[in-house]
Every structure is written in C-alpha cells, then in structure tokens.
Amino acid sequence: MSAKIQLQKDVYKFLCDLPSRSIFFRTGPGIFGIVNDEFIFMLIITDDRKLTRSEFSLASKVESCNGYFYIVGNIDDVHLVAKENGWWD
C-alpha cells in the first residue's frame, strides 16, 4: 500500500487514522513507514532538517498516537533514537 502524504500538520491525523494491519509504504526519498498488528511501529522521516526540541518530545511519547510511534526528522536522528531505545542495533 502506498500513501501520498505531505510533512505538514495533518500528518499526525494521518498516522492516528491508519488501520492496524501490516502496511509498508514509501512515499519518497527518506519517507517510509511500517504498521504491524504485533509490533506497531511508524517512522516518518525527512532528510532535510534535524528534529526540533518539540518534535523530539512529541516523538518520544509512544502512547500519543494510539500506539503508533512516529518521528519527524533526519535519518541519523531516527537511528540514534531507535538505538537508544533498544529497537535495533
């Protein structure tokens, strides 16, 4: 399944409205996501900038989007956050 989304305020509503069946989508360079019934996991990545402090705080709250986890930021930030939280090595 592919989805056409833009990184703007309504991305958070988009994430909350996703069904919880297995989905992989890639909408463009540096933007992809995964949703799985067993391990619900969402990444939204844009390579053009670093995370702001408020985005980092928001992304750190896993419970904030009906169980979906999402990050808006640089791919290096995503790897760092994921590694620090033990999601992958």
PDB file of N, CA and C in Angstrom:
ATOM      1  N   MET A   1       0.847  -1.186   0.000  1.00  0.00           N
ATOM      2  CA  MET A   1       0.000   0.000   0.000  1.00  0.00           C
ATOM      3  C   MET A   1       0.881   1.233   0.000  1.00  0.00           C
ATOM      4  N   SER A   2       0.597   2.171  -0.869  1.00  0.00           N
ATOM      5  CA  SER A   2       1.334   3.425  -0.834  1.00  0.00           C
ATOM      6  C   SER A   2       0.366   4.540  -0.486  1.00  0.00           C
ATOM      7  N   ALA A   3       0.910   5.540   0.153  1.00  0.00           N
ATOM      8  CA  ALA A   3       0.070   6.659   0.558  1.00  0.00           C
ATOM      9  C   ALA A   3       0.766   7.941   0.165  1.00  0.00           C
ATOM     10  N   LYS A   4      -0.019   8.909  -0.268  1.00  0.00           N
ATOM     11  CA  LYS A   4       0.550  10.188  -0.650  1.00  0.00           C
ATOM     12  C   LYS A   4       0.306  11.164   0.492  1.00  0.00           C
ATOM     13  N   ILE A   5       1.348  11.483   1.218  1.00  0.00           N
ATOM     14  CA  ILE A   5       1.197  12.413   2.322  1.00  0.00           C
ATOM     15  C   ILE A   5       2.261  13.479   2.227  1.00  0.00           C
ATOM     16  N   GLN A   6       2.007  14.602   2.846  1.00  0.00           N
ATOM     17  CA  GLN A   6       2.987  15.666   2.914  1.00  0.00           C
ATOM     18  C   GLN A   6       3.336  15.872   4.374  1.00  0.00           C
ATOM     19  N   LEU A   7       4.589  16.275   4.640  1.00  0.00           N
ATOM     20  CA  LEU A   7       5.003  16.521   6.018  1.00  0.00           C
ATOM     21  C   LEU A   7       4.501  17.903   6.441  1.00  0.00           C
ATOM     22  N   GLN A   8       3.308  17.914   6.968  1.00  0.00           N
ATOM     23  CA  GLN A   8       2.699  19.131   7.474  1.00  0.00           C
ATOM     24  C   GLN A   8       1.840  18.731   8.660  1.00  0.00           C
ATOM     25  N   LYS A   9       1.073  19.674   9.206  1.00  0.00           N
ATOM     26  CA  LYS A   9       0.354  19.396  10.451  1.00  0.00           C
ATOM     27  C   LYS A   9      -0.588  18.199  10.360  1.00  0.00           C
ATOM     28  N   ASP A  10      -1.218  17.969   9.209  1.00  0.00           N
ATOM     29  CA  ASP A  10      -2.184  16.869   9.120  1.00  0.00           C
ATOM     30  C   ASP A  10      -1.530  15.491   9.067  1.00  0.00           C
ATOM     31  N   VAL A  11      -0.183  15.411   9.051  1.00  0.00           N
ATOM     32  CA  VAL A  11       0.475  14.105   9.091  1.00  0.00           C
ATOM     33  C   VAL A  11       0.131  13.371  10.386  1.00  0.00           C
ATOM     34  N   TYR A  12      -0.034  14.086  11.491  1.00  0.00           N
ATOM     35  CA  TYR A  12      -0.340  13.447  12.764  1.00  0.00           C
ATOM     36  C   TYR A  12      -1.730  12.815  12.731  1.00  0.00           C
ATOM     37  N   LYS A  13      -2.686  13.480  12.113  1.00  0.00           N
ATOM     38  CA  LYS A  13      -4.023  12.898  11.950  1.00  0.00           C
ATOM     39  C   LYS A  13      -3.954  11.661  11.049  1.00  0.00           C
ATOM     40  N   PHE A  14      -3.167  11.756   9.980  1.00  0.00           N
ATOM     41  CA  PHE A  14      -2.985  10.620   9.078  1.00  0.00           C
ATOM     42  C   PHE A  14      -2.480   9.402   9.838  1.00  0.00           C
ATOM     43  N   LEU A  15      -1.472   9.603  10.692  1.00  0.00           N
ATOM     44  CA  LEU A  15      -0.905   8.493  11.452  1.00  0.00           C
ATOM     45  C   LEU A  15      -1.937   7.898  12.402  1.00  0.00           C
ATOM     46  N   CYS A  16      -2.705   8.755  13.061  1.00  0.00           N
ATOM     47  CA  CYS A  16      -3.708   8.258  14.007  1.00  0.00           C
ATOM     48  C   CYS A  16      -4.811   7.465  13.321  1.00  0.00           C
ATOM     49  N   ASP A  17      -5.089   7.806  12.075  1.00  0.00           N
ATOM     50  CA  ASP A  17      -6.187   7.158  11.352  1.00  0.00           C
ATOM     51  C   ASP A  17      -5.787   5.878  10.616  1.00  0.00           C
ATOM     52  N   LEU A  18      -4.505   5.518  10.637  1.00  0.00           N
ATOM     53  CA  LEU A  18      -4.067   4.310   9.934  1.00  0.00           C
ATOM     54  C   LEU A  18      -4.678   3.054  10.556  1.00  0.00           C
ATOM     55  N   PRO A  19      -5.119   2.093   9.744  1.00  0.00           N
ATOM     56  CA  PRO A  19      -5.602   0.818  10.297  1.00  0.00           C
ATOM     57  C   PRO A  19      -4.417   0.012  10.841  1.00  0.00           C
ATOM     58  N   SER A  20      -4.696  -0.835  11.831  1.00  0.00           N
ATOM     59  CA  SER A  20      -3.597  -1.581  12.437  1.00  0.00           C
ATOM     60  C   SER A  20      -3.410  -2.955  11.800  1.00  0.00           C
ATOM     61  N   ARG A  21      -3.340  -2.994  10.479  1.00  0.00           N
ATOM     62  CA  ARG A  21      -2.919  -4.222   9.796  1.00  0.00           C
ATOM     63  C   ARG A  21      -1.540  -3.942   9.220  1.00  0.00           C
ATOM     64  N   SER A  22      -0.865  -4.967   8.777  1.00  0.00           N
ATOM     65  CA  SER A  22       0.500  -4.784   8.307  1.00  0.00           C
ATOM     66  C   SER A  22       0.543  -3.933   7.041  1.00  0.00           C
ATOM     67  N   ILE A  23       1.327  -2.881   7.095  1.00  0.00           N
ATOM     68  CA  ILE A  23       1.457  -1.966   5.965  1.00  0.00           C
ATOM     69  C   ILE A  23       2.921  -1.582   5.828  1.00  0.00           C
ATOM     70  N   PHE A  24       3.387  -1.556   4.609  1.00  0.00           N
ATOM     71  CA  PHE A  24       4.671  -0.917   4.343  1.00  0.00           C
ATOM     72  C   PHE A  24       4.433   0.083   3.231  1.00  0.00           C
ATOM     73  N   PHE A  25       4.875   1.287   3.419  1.00  0.00           N
ATOM     74  CA  PHE A  25       4.744   2.243   2.337  1.00  0.00           C
ATOM     75  C   PHE A  25       5.953   3.160   2.286  1.00  0.00           C
ATOM     76  N   ARG A  26       6.239   3.604   1.098  1.00  0.00           N
ATOM     77  CA  ARG A  26       7.323   4.546   0.883  1.00  0.00           C
ATOM     78  C   ARG A  26       6.778   5.612  -0.051  1.00  0.00           C
ATOM     79  N   THR A  27       6.795   6.857   0.420  1.00  0.00           N
ATOM     80  CA  THR A  27       6.183   7.924  -0.367  1.00  0.00           C
ATOM     81  C   THR A  27       7.210   8.772  -1.097  1.00  0.00           C
ATOM     82  N   GLY A  28       8.476   8.551  -0.825  1.00  0.00           N
ATOM     83  CA  GLY A  28       9.512   9.338  -1.488  1.00  0.00           C
ATOM     84  C   GLY A  28      10.824   9.163  -0.760  1.00  0.00           C
ATOM     85  N   PRO A  29      11.874   9.820  -1.224  1.00  0.00           N
ATOM     86  CA  PRO A  29      13.182   9.694  -0.587  1.00  0.00           C
ATOM     87  C   PRO A  29      13.110  10.072   0.894  1.00  0.00           C
ATOM     88  N   GLY A  30      13.528   9.149   1.741  1.00  0.00           N
ATOM     89  CA  GLY A  30      13.592   9.447   3.166  1.00  0.00           C
ATOM     90  C   GLY A  30      12.271   9.403   3.901  1.00  0.00           C
ATOM     91  N   ILE A  31      11.207   8.928   3.262  1.00  0.00           N
ATOM     92  CA  ILE A  31       9.923   8.866   3.947  1.00  0.00           C
ATOM     93  C   ILE A  31       9.356   7.455   3.807  1.00  0.00           C
ATOM     94  N   PHE A  32       9.153   6.777   4.934  1.00  0.00           N
ATOM     95  CA  PHE A  32       8.554   5.449   4.875  1.00  0.00           C
ATOM     96  C   PHE A  32       7.909   5.113   6.210  1.00  0.00           C
ATOM     97  N   GLY A  33       7.121   4.080   6.232  1.00  0.00           N
ATOM     98  CA  GLY A  33       6.503   3.674   7.480  1.00  0.00           C
ATOM     99  C   GLY A  33       6.149   2.201   7.484  1.00  0.00           C
ATOM    100  N   ILE A  34       6.015   1.662   8.669  1.00  0.00           N
ATOM    101  CA  ILE A  34       5.602   0.276   8.846  1.00  0.00           C
ATOM    102  C   ILE A  34       4.550   0.244   9.941  1.00  0.00           C
ATOM    103  N   VAL A  35       3.475  -0.491   9.696  1.00  0.00           N
ATOM    104  CA  VAL A  35       2.473  -0.749  10.727  1.00  0.00           C
ATOM    105  C   VAL A  35       2.242  -2.249  10.752  1.00  0.00           C
ATOM    106  N   ASN A  36       2.282  -2.839  11.923  1.00  0.00           N
ATOM    107  CA  ASN A  36       2.110  -4.273  12.064  1.00  0.00           C
ATOM    108  C   ASN A  36       1.253  -4.543  13.290  1.00  0.00           C
ATOM    109  N   ASP A  37       0.352  -5.537  13.223  1.00  0.00           N
ATOM    110  CA  ASP A  37      -0.524  -5.835  14.357  1.00  0.00           C
ATOM    111  C   ASP A  37       0.252  -6.263  15.598  1.00  0.00           C
ATOM    112  N   GLU A  38       1.376  -6.947  15.400  1.00  0.00           N
ATOM    113  CA  GLU A  38       2.152  -7.433  16.540  1.00  0.00           C
ATOM    114  C   GLU A  38       3.073  -6.353  17.098  1.00  0.00           C
ATOM    115  N   PHE A  39       3.680  -5.616  16.199  1.00  0.00           N
ATOM    116  CA  PHE A  39       4.650  -4.604  16.610  1.00  0.00           C
ATOM    117  C   PHE A  39       4.323  -3.333  15.839  1.00  0.00           C
ATOM    118  N   ILE A  40       3.548  -2.459  16.450  1.00  0.00           N
ATOM    119  CA  ILE A  40       3.097  -1.251  15.770  1.00  0.00           C
ATOM    120  C   ILE A  40       4.226  -0.230  15.793  1.00  0.00           C
ATOM    121  N   PHE A  41       4.635   0.173  14.641  1.00  0.00           N
ATOM    122  CA  PHE A  41       5.850   0.977  14.532  1.00  0.00           C
ATOM    123  C   PHE A  41       5.714   1.886  13.326  1.00  0.00           C
ATOM    124  N   MET A  42       5.894   3.145  13.518  1.00  0.00           N
ATOM    125  CA  MET A  42       5.737   4.098  12.430  1.00  0.00           C
ATOM    126  C   MET A  42       6.912   5.065  12.418  1.00  0.00           C
ATOM    127  N   LEU A  43       7.496   5.242  11.281  1.00  0.00           N
ATOM    128  CA  LEU A  43       8.543   6.250  11.106  1.00  0.00           C
ATOM    129  C   LEU A  43       8.143   7.159   9.959  1.00  0.00           C
ATOM    130  N   ILE A  44       8.204   8.429  10.196  1.00  0.00           N
ATOM    131  CA  ILE A  44       8.070   9.403   9.122  1.00  0.00           C
ATOM    132  C   ILE A  44       9.365  10.204   9.169  1.00  0.00           C
ATOM    133  N   ILE A  45      10.119  10.165   8.104  1.00  0.00           N
ATOM    134  CA  ILE A  45      11.468  10.726   8.113  1.00  0.00           C
ATOM    135  C   ILE A  45      11.613  11.727   6.982  1.00  0.00           C
ATOM    136  N   THR A  46      12.197  12.845   7.284  1.00  0.00           N
ATOM    137  CA  THR A  46      12.571  13.784   6.238  1.00  0.00           C
ATOM    138  C   THR A  46      14.041  14.129   6.421  1.00  0.00           C
ATOM    139  N   ASP A  47      14.795  14.008   5.362  1.00  0.00           N
ATOM    140  CA  ASP A  47      16.237  14.183   5.456  1.00  0.00           C
ATOM    141  C   ASP A  47      16.695  15.636   5.413  1.00  0.00           C
ATOM    142  N   ASP A  48      15.760  16.578   5.301  1.00  0.00           N
ATOM    143  CA  ASP A  48      16.181  17.946   5.053  1.00  0.00           C
ATOM    144  C   ASP A  48      16.473  18.776   6.301  1.00  0.00           C
ATOM    145  N   ARG A  49      16.218  18.221   7.489  1.00  0.00           N
ATOM    146  CA  ARG A  49      16.476  19.011   8.692  1.00  0.00           C
ATOM    147  C   ARG A  49      16.590  18.115   9.911  1.00  0.00           C
ATOM    148  N   LYS A  50      17.049  18.684  11.011  1.00  0.00           N
ATOM    149  CA  LYS A  50      17.141  17.969  12.278  1.00  0.00           C
ATOM    150  C   LYS A  50      15.827  18.100  13.047  1.00  0.00           C
ATOM    151  N   LEU A  51      15.642  17.224  14.026  1.00  0.00           N
ATOM    152  CA  LEU A  51      14.472  17.331  14.892  1.00  0.00           C
ATOM    153  C   LEU A  51      14.527  18.614  15.715  1.00  0.00           C
ATOM    154  N   THR A  52      13.382  19.262  15.853  1.00  0.00           N
ATOM    155  CA  THR A  52      13.293  20.360  16.809  1.00  0.00           C
ATOM    156  C   THR A  52      13.059  19.747  18.188  1.00  0.00           C
ATOM    157  N   ARG A  53      13.264  20.545  19.222  1.00  0.00           N
ATOM    158  CA  ARG A  53      13.067  20.052  20.593  1.00  0.00           C
ATOM    159  C   ARG A  53      11.616  19.588  20.802  1.00  0.00           C
ATOM    160  N   SER A  54      10.655  20.340  20.280  1.00  0.00           N
ATOM    161  CA  SER A  54       9.248  19.962  20.475  1.00  0.00           C
ATOM    162  C   SER A  54       8.890  18.693  19.716  1.00  0.00           C
ATOM    163  N   GLU A  55       9.453  18.521  18.510  1.00  0.00           N
ATOM    164  CA  GLU A  55       9.210  17.290  17.747  1.00  0.00           C
ATOM    165  C   GLU A  55       9.819  16.086  18.443  1.00  0.00           C
ATOM    166  N   PHE A  56      11.009  16.263  19.021  1.00  0.00           N
ATOM    167  CA  PHE A  56      11.654  15.164  19.731  1.00  0.00           C
ATOM    168  C   PHE A  56      10.798  14.737  20.920  1.00  0.00           C
ATOM    169  N   SER A  57      10.282  15.728  21.657  1.00  0.00           N
ATOM    170  CA  SER A  57       9.409  15.430  22.801  1.00  0.00           C
ATOM    171  C   SER A  57       8.151  14.700  22.352  1.00  0.00           C
ATOM    172  N   LEU A  58       7.553  15.175  21.268  1.00  0.00           N
ATOM    173  CA  LEU A  58       6.339  14.553  20.752  1.00  0.00           C
ATOM    174  C   LEU A  58       6.613  13.131  20.277  1.00  0.00           C
ATOM    175  N   ALA A  59       7.710  12.948  19.554  1.00  0.00           N
ATOM    176  CA  ALA A  59       8.054  11.630  19.029  1.00  0.00           C
ATOM    177  C   ALA A  59       8.384  10.646  20.139  1.00  0.00           C
ATOM    178  N   SER A  60       8.857  11.145  21.272  1.00  0.00           N
ATOM    179  CA  SER A  60       9.238  10.284  22.381  1.00  0.00           C
ATOM    180  C   SER A  60       8.034   9.718  23.127  1.00  0.00           C
ATOM    181  N   LYS A  61       6.843  10.283  22.898  1.00  0.00           N
ATOM    182  CA  LYS A  61       5.643   9.831  23.595  1.00  0.00           C
ATOM    183  C   LYS A  61       4.944   8.769  22.758  1.00  0.00           C
ATOM    184  N   VAL A  62       5.306   7.526  22.970  1.00  0.00           N
ATOM    185  CA  VAL A  62       4.794   6.424  22.157  1.00  0.00           C
ATOM    186  C   VAL A  62       3.282   6.307  22.251  1.00  0.00           C
ATOM    187  N   GLU A  63       2.730   6.607  23.419  1.00  0.00           N
ATOM    188  CA  GLU A  63       1.292   6.461  23.628  1.00  0.00           C
ATOM    189  C   GLU A  63       0.477   7.577  22.984  1.00  0.00           C
ATOM    190  N   SER A  64       1.142   8.571  22.429  1.00  0.00           N
ATOM    191  CA  SER A  64       0.440   9.777  21.996  1.00  0.00           C
ATOM    192  C   SER A  64      -0.363   9.611  20.710  1.00  0.00           C
ATOM    193  N   CYS A  65      -0.189   8.533  19.989  1.00  0.00           N
ATOM    194  CA  CYS A  65      -0.893   8.396  18.715  1.00  0.00           C
ATOM    195  C   CYS A  65      -1.519   7.008  18.600  1.00  0.00           C
ATOM    196  N   ASN A  66      -2.301   6.639  19.603  1.00  0.00           N
ATOM    197  CA  ASN A  66      -2.970   5.335  19.638  1.00  0.00           C
ATOM    198  C   ASN A  66      -1.997   4.177  19.458  1.00  0.00           C
ATOM    199  N   GLY A  67      -0.810   4.286  20.039  1.00  0.00           N
ATOM    200  CA  GLY A  67       0.171   3.220  19.967  1.00  0.00           C
ATOM    201  C   GLY A  67       1.157   3.344  18.834  1.00  0.00           C
ATOM    202  N   TYR A  68       0.896   4.257  17.899  1.00  0.00           N
ATOM    203  CA  TYR A  68       1.838   4.439  16.804  1.00  0.00           C
ATOM    204  C   TYR A  68       2.998   5.305  17.266  1.00  0.00           C
ATOM    205  N   PHE A  69       4.188   4.923  16.886  1.00  0.00           N
ATOM    206  CA  PHE A  69       5.358   5.746  17.183  1.00  0.00           C
ATOM    207  C   PHE A  69       5.778   6.434  15.902  1.00  0.00           C
ATOM    208  N   TYR A  70       6.054   7.697  15.980  1.00  0.00           N
ATOM    209  CA  TYR A  70       6.471   8.392  14.772  1.00  0.00           C
ATOM    210  C   TYR A  70       7.555   9.408  15.094  1.00  0.00           C
ATOM    211  N   ILE A  71       8.396   9.643  14.131  1.00  0.00           N
ATOM    212  CA  ILE A  71       9.489  10.604  14.250  1.00  0.00           C
ATOM    213  C   ILE A  71       9.474  11.464  13.006  1.00  0.00           C
ATOM    214  N   VAL A  72       9.615  12.750  13.197  1.00  0.00           N
ATOM    215  CA  VAL A  72       9.827  13.643  12.075  1.00  0.00           C
ATOM    216  C   VAL A  72      11.230  14.176  12.235  1.00  0.00           C
ATOM    217  N   GLY A  73      12.104  13.906  11.292  1.00  0.00           N
ATOM    218  CA  GLY A  73      13.476  14.387  11.430  1.00  0.00           C
ATOM    219  C   GLY A  73      14.443  13.729  10.481  1.00  0.00           C
ATOM    220  N   ASN A  74      15.679  13.906  10.755  1.00  0.00           N
ATOM    221  CA  ASN A  74      16.781  13.395   9.948  1.00  0.00           C
ATOM    222  C   ASN A  74      16.961  11.895  10.185  1.00  0.00           C
ATOM    223  N   ILE A  75      17.372  11.154   9.167  1.00  0.00           N
ATOM    224  CA  ILE A  75      17.559   9.704   9.292  1.00  0.00           C
ATOM    225  C   ILE A  75      18.545   9.348  10.401  1.00  0.00           C
ATOM    226  N   ASP A  76      19.572  10.175  10.606  1.00  0.00           N
ATOM    227  CA  ASP A  76      20.523   9.930  11.688  1.00  0.00           C
ATOM    228  C   ASP A  76      19.851  10.045  13.048  1.00  0.00           C
ATOM    229  N   ASP A  77      18.919  10.995  13.177  1.00  0.00           N
ATOM    230  CA  ASP A  77      18.160  11.126  14.420  1.00  0.00           C
ATOM    231  C   ASP A  77      17.337   9.876  14.681  1.00  0.00           C
ATOM    232  N   VAL A  78      16.740   9.345  13.643  1.00  0.00           N
ATOM    233  CA  VAL A  78      15.913   8.141  13.778  1.00  0.00           C
ATOM    234  C   VAL A  78      16.758   6.977  14.267  1.00  0.00           C
ATOM    235  N   HIS A  79      17.916   6.765  13.643  1.00  0.00           N
ATOM    236  CA  HIS A  79      18.798   5.681  14.067  1.00  0.00           C
ATOM    237  C   HIS A  79      19.248   5.863  15.508  1.00  0.00           C
ATOM    238  N   LEU A  80      19.575   7.105  15.880  1.00  0.00           N
ATOM    239  CA  LEU A  80      20.026   7.390  17.238  1.00  0.00           C
ATOM    240  C   LEU A  80      18.930   7.110  18.260  1.00  0.00           C
ATOM    241  N   VAL A  81      17.740   7.616  17.998  1.00  0.00           N
ATOM    242  CA  VAL A  81      16.615   7.415  18.913  1.00  0.00           C
ATOM    243  C   VAL A  81      16.273   5.933  19.029  1.00  0.00           C
ATOM    244  N   ALA A  82      16.243   5.242  17.889  1.00  0.00           N
ATOM    245  CA  ALA A  82      15.909   3.817  17.897  1.00  0.00           C
ATOM    246  C   ALA A  82      16.958   3.010  18.657  1.00  0.00           C
ATOM    247  N   LYS A  83      18.222   3.327  18.452  1.00  0.00           N
ATOM    248  CA  LYS A  83      19.297   2.606  19.135  1.00  0.00           C
ATOM    249  C   LYS A  83      19.234   2.847  20.642  1.00  0.00           C
ATOM    250  N   GLU A  84      19.019   4.103  21.028  1.00  0.00           N
ATOM    251  CA  GLU A  84      18.941   4.450  22.447  1.00  0.00           C
ATOM    252  C   GLU A  84      17.779   3.752  23.142  1.00  0.00           C
ATOM    253  N   ASN A  85      16.713   3.484  22.389  1.00  0.00           N
ATOM    254  CA  ASN A  85      15.539   2.831  22.965  1.00  0.00           C
ATOM    255  C   ASN A  85      15.538   1.324  22.754  1.00  0.00           C
ATOM    256  N   GLY A  86      16.612   0.775  22.170  1.00  0.00           N
ATOM    257  CA  GLY A  86      16.749  -0.663  22.018  1.00  0.00           C
ATOM    258  C   GLY A  86      15.907  -1.276  20.922  1.00  0.00           C
ATOM    259  N   TRP A  87      15.428  -0.472  19.944  1.00  0.00           N
ATOM    260  CA  TRP A  87      14.600  -1.027  18.882  1.00  0.00           C
ATOM    261  C   TRP A  87      15.419  -1.740  17.837  1.00  0.00           C
ATOM    262  N   TRP A  88      16.633  -1.292  17.574  1.00  0.00           N
ATOM    263  CA  TRP A  88      17.542  -2.044  16.728  1.00  0.00           C
ATOM    264  C   TRP A  88      18.965  -1.641  17.050  1.00  0.00           C
ATOM    265  N   ASP A  89      19.934  -2.494  16.645  1.00  0.00           N
ATOM    266  CA  ASP A  89      21.349  -2.236  16.943  1.00  0.00           C
ATOM    267  C   ASP A  89      21.955  -1.330  15.895  1.00  0.00           C
TER     268      ASP A  89
END
